[in-house]
């Protein structure tokens, strides 16, 4: 699951998606406004996905650090190390 999230948060992936979508839109003869709207929507979605994935990773690291510190403190108080 982590690999999938990492891949989905890749700016290179979303840049490629925008390029493919734009190319297909041009090939099917969509007007410039539609192409701009789709490209903007994909770019916005990529930004949100990247932000959420990054914040989730930061939060997970903070929780892991807090757990480790709490375990160390409990061991120090109980005298078992």
Protein backbone atom coordinates (compact mmCIF):
# COMPACT_ATOMS: atom_id res chain seq x y z
CA UNK A 1 0.00 0.00 0.00
CA UNK A 2 2.86 2.37 0.80
CA UNK A 3 4.39 1.81 -2.64
CA UNK A 4 1.07 2.64 -4.28
CA UNK A 5 0.69 5.83 -2.26
CA UNK A 6 4.27 6.82 -3.05
CA UNK A 7 3.70 6.25 -6.76
CA UNK A 8 0.41 8.17 -6.76
CA UNK A 9 2.07 11.12 -5.08
CA UNK A 10 4.74 11.33 -7.77
CA UNK A 11 4.73 14.65 -9.63
CA UNK A 12 6.32 12.92 -12.61
CA UNK A 13 3.37 10.53 -12.83
CA UNK A 14 0.81 13.33 -12.74
CA UNK A 15 2.78 15.38 -15.26
CA UNK A 16 2.70 12.39 -17.58
CA UNK A 17 -1.05 11.95 -16.97
CA UNK A 18 -1.67 15.59 -17.83
CA UNK A 19 0.39 15.18 -20.99
CA UNK A 20 -1.53 12.09 -22.08
CA UNK A 21 -4.91 13.62 -21.29
CA UNK A 22 -4.01 16.81 -23.13
CA UNK A 23 -2.76 14.85 -26.13
CA UNK A 24 -5.92 12.74 -26.25
CA UNK A 25 -8.09 15.83 -25.93
CA UNK A 26 -6.31 17.43 -28.88
CA UNK A 27 -6.59 14.21 -30.89
CA UNK A 28 -10.34 14.06 -30.31
CA UNK A 29 -10.77 17.70 -31.25
CA UNK A 30 -11.87 19.15 -27.91
CA UNK A 31 -11.79 22.90 -27.63
CA UNK A 32 -9.06 24.78 -25.77
CA UNK A 33 -11.31 25.62 -22.80
CA UNK A 34 -12.12 21.98 -22.18
CA UNK A 35 -8.46 20.99 -22.45
CA UNK A 36 -7.46 23.72 -20.00
CA UNK A 37 -10.18 22.68 -17.57
CA UNK A 38 -9.17 19.01 -17.64
CA UNK A 39 -5.47 19.81 -17.30
CA UNK A 40 -6.21 22.14 -14.40
CA UNK A 41 -8.35 19.53 -12.67
CA UNK A 42 -5.69 16.85 -12.99
CA UNK A 43 -3.01 19.24 -11.71
CA UNK A 44 -5.19 20.24 -8.74
CA UNK A 45 -5.92 16.60 -7.92
CA UNK A 46 -2.22 15.78 -8.07
CA UNK A 47 -1.45 18.62 -5.66
CA UNK A 48 -4.05 17.44 -3.17
CA UNK A 49 -2.93 13.80 -3.38
CA UNK A 50 0.70 14.78 -2.90
CA UNK A 51 -0.15 16.97 0.09
CA UNK A 52 -2.25 14.27 1.76
CA UNK A 53 0.36 11.56 1.19
CA UNK A 54 3.17 13.77 2.48
CA UNK A 55 1.27 14.85 5.59
CA UNK A 56 0.30 11.25 6.29
CA UNK A 57 3.93 10.21 6.09
CA UNK A 58 5.00 13.04 8.42
CA UNK A 59 2.23 12.19 10.91
CA UNK A 60 3.15 8.49 10.86
CA UNK A 61 6.79 9.32 11.59
CA UNK A 62 5.78 11.58 14.48
CA UNK A 63 3.57 8.87 15.98
CA UNK A 64 6.33 6.27 15.65
CA UNK A 65 8.77 8.61 17.38
CA UNK A 66 6.29 9.32 20.20
CA UNK A 67 5.68 5.60 20.73
CA UNK A 68 9.40 4.90 20.90
CA UNK A 69 9.92 7.72 23.40
CA UNK A 70 7.00 6.52 25.52
CA UNK A 71 8.38 2.97 25.56
CA UNK A 72 11.83 4.25 26.53
CA UNK A 73 10.32 6.33 29.34
CA UNK A 74 8.28 3.38 30.61
CA UNK A 75 11.36 1.17 30.61
CA UNK A 76 13.36 3.84 32.46
CA UNK A 77 10.66 4.17 35.14
CA UNK A 78 10.24 0.43 35.61
CA UNK A 79 13.99 -0.16 35.62
CA UNK A 80 14.02 -2.62 32.73
CA UNK A 81 16.18 -1.70 29.78
